[in-house]
Amino acid sequence: MQKKINIKIGDKVQIISGKYKNQIGNVKKVLIEKNSLIIENLNFKTKHIKPRQNEKQGEIKKIEAPIDRSNIKIQIN
């Protein structure tokens, strides 16, 4: 059974609970299987990447992590 999320890419949403409470952003990606969303410029996580070859160096990237659908409401207007 497929879950239904009534939020689409590009919608303006407000976070209603958690670390980023009361912040507003646009939806970048919808993850239906996990019932969560990725919002632009919010909820950054640090990812450490190991070097794959001897000549390359490892790096630290900041990526946007998903936020659960229950913590988000659609911003009207």
C-alpha atoms as a PDB file:
ATOM      1  CA  MET A   1       0.000   0.000   0.000  1.00  0.00           C
ATOM      2  CA  GLN A   2       1.450   3.336  -1.086  1.00  0.00           C
ATOM      3  CA  LYS A   3       1.343   6.257   1.319  1.00  0.00           C
ATOM      4  CA  LYS A   4      -0.001   9.596   0.168  1.00  0.00           C
ATOM      5  CA  ILE A   5       1.833  12.820   0.912  1.00  0.00           C
ATOM      6  CA  ASN A   6      -0.077  15.971   0.005  1.00  0.00           C
ATOM      7  CA  ILE A   7       3.100  18.057  -0.330  1.00  0.00           C
ATOM      8  CA  LYS A   8       4.844  18.493  -3.668  1.00  0.00           C
ATOM      9  CA  ILE A   9       8.292  19.647  -4.763  1.00  0.00           C
ATOM     10  CA  GLY A  10       8.547  23.450  -4.610  1.00  0.00           C
ATOM     11  CA  ASP A  11       5.900  23.912  -1.897  1.00  0.00           C
ATOM     12  CA  LYS A  12       6.712  26.343   0.905  1.00  0.00           C
ATOM     13  CA  VAL A  13       6.553  24.556   4.266  1.00  0.00           C
ATOM     14  CA  GLN A  14       7.058  25.411   7.931  1.00  0.00           C
ATOM     15  CA  ILE A  15       8.665  23.084  10.474  1.00  0.00           C
ATOM     16  CA  ILE A  16       6.480  22.714  13.556  1.00  0.00           C
ATOM     17  CA  SER A  17       8.751  20.720  15.887  1.00  0.00           C
ATOM     18  CA  GLY A  18      12.373  19.798  16.465  1.00  0.00           C
ATOM     19  CA  LYS A  19      15.659  21.655  16.114  1.00  0.00           C
ATOM     20  CA  TYR A  20      14.470  23.800  13.191  1.00  0.00           C
ATOM     21  CA  LYS A  21      11.066  24.744  14.668  1.00  0.00           C
ATOM     22  CA  ASN A  22       9.305  27.756  13.029  1.00  0.00           C
ATOM     23  CA  GLN A  23      11.738  27.863  10.093  1.00  0.00           C
ATOM     24  CA  ILE A  24      10.359  28.093   6.565  1.00  0.00           C
ATOM     25  CA  GLY A  25      11.796  26.507   3.427  1.00  0.00           C
ATOM     26  CA  ASN A  26      10.980  25.004   0.040  1.00  0.00           C
ATOM     27  CA  VAL A  27      10.607  21.270  -0.548  1.00  0.00           C
ATOM     28  CA  LYS A  28      13.523  19.908  -2.570  1.00  0.00           C
ATOM     29  CA  LYS A  29      12.606  16.201  -2.630  1.00  0.00           C
ATOM     30  CA  VAL A  30       9.761  13.978  -1.391  1.00  0.00           C
ATOM     31  CA  LEU A  31      10.606  10.506  -0.042  1.00  0.00           C
ATOM     32  CA  ILE A  32       7.273   8.655  -0.103  1.00  0.00           C
ATOM     33  CA  GLU A  33       8.684   5.332   1.177  1.00  0.00           C
ATOM     34  CA  LYS A  34      10.126   6.985   4.307  1.00  0.00           C
ATOM     35  CA  ASN A  35       7.229   9.454   4.703  1.00  0.00           C
ATOM     36  CA  SER A  36       9.697  12.338   4.844  1.00  0.00           C
ATOM     37  CA  LEU A  37      10.874  15.392   2.906  1.00  0.00           C
ATOM     38  CA  ILE A  38      14.150  17.128   2.139  1.00  0.00           C
ATOM     39  CA  ILE A  39      13.941  20.902   2.551  1.00  0.00           C
ATOM     40  CA  GLU A  40      16.384  23.341   0.924  1.00  0.00           C
ATOM     41  CA  ASN A  41      19.090  24.759   3.233  1.00  0.00           C
ATOM     42  CA  LEU A  42      17.766  23.046   6.391  1.00  0.00           C
ATOM     43  CA  ASN A  43      18.773  20.018   8.484  1.00  0.00           C
ATOM     44  CA  PHE A  44      22.380  19.648   7.310  1.00  0.00           C
ATOM     45  CA  LYS A  45      24.293  16.527   8.353  1.00  0.00           C
ATOM     46  CA  THR A  46      28.044  15.948   8.046  1.00  0.00           C
ATOM     47  CA  LYS A  47      29.216  13.010   5.920  1.00  0.00           C
ATOM     48  CA  HIS A  48      32.833  11.840   6.063  1.00  0.00           C
ATOM     49  CA  ILE A  49      34.008  10.272   2.808  1.00  0.00           C
ATOM     50  CA  LYS A  50      37.073   8.023   2.724  1.00  0.00           C
ATOM     51  CA  PRO A  51      39.572   8.305  -0.127  1.00  0.00           C
ATOM     52  CA  ARG A  52      39.006   5.677  -2.840  1.00  0.00           C
ATOM     53  CA  GLN A  53      42.454   5.796  -4.458  1.00  0.00           C
ATOM     54  CA  ASN A  54      45.937   6.511  -3.172  1.00  0.00           C
ATOM     55  CA  GLU A  55      46.164   9.873  -4.934  1.00  0.00           C
ATOM     56  CA  LYS A  56      42.798  11.234  -3.780  1.00  0.00           C
ATOM     57  CA  GLN A  57      42.080  12.728  -0.380  1.00  0.00           C
ATOM     58  CA  GLY A  58      39.071  12.096   1.801  1.00  0.00           C
ATOM     59  CA  GLU A  59      36.573  14.877   2.308  1.00  0.00           C
ATOM     60  CA  ILE A  60      33.840  16.091   4.616  1.00  0.00           C
ATOM     61  CA  LYS A  61      30.536  16.985   2.928  1.00  0.00           C
ATOM     62  CA  LYS A  62      27.466  18.664   4.349  1.00  0.00           C
ATOM     63  CA  ILE A  63      24.283  17.092   2.990  1.00  0.00           C
ATOM     64  CA  GLU A  64      20.617  17.865   3.611  1.00  0.00           C
ATOM     65  CA  ALA A  65      18.920  15.139   5.638  1.00  0.00           C
ATOM     66  CA  PRO A  66      15.213  14.268   5.462  1.00  0.00           C
ATOM     67  CA  ILE A  67      12.657  15.544   7.976  1.00  0.00           C
ATOM     68  CA  ASP A  68       9.609  13.463   8.892  1.00  0.00           C
ATOM     69  CA  ARG A  69       6.293  14.522   7.358  1.00  0.00           C
ATOM     70  CA  SER A  70       4.628  14.771  10.781  1.00  0.00           C
ATOM     71  CA  ASN A  71       6.956  17.646  11.743  1.00  0.00           C
ATOM     72  CA  ILE A  72       5.982  19.807   8.757  1.00  0.00           C
ATOM     73  CA  LYS A  73       2.962  21.862   7.724  1.00  0.00           C
ATOM     74  CA  ILE A  74       2.224  23.637   4.460  1.00  0.00           C
ATOM     75  CA  GLN A  75       2.815  27.391   4.639  1.00  0.00           C
ATOM     76  CA  ILE A  76      -0.215  29.175   3.203  1.00  0.00           C
ATOM     77  CA  ASN A  77       0.396  32.318   1.133  1.00  0.00           C
END
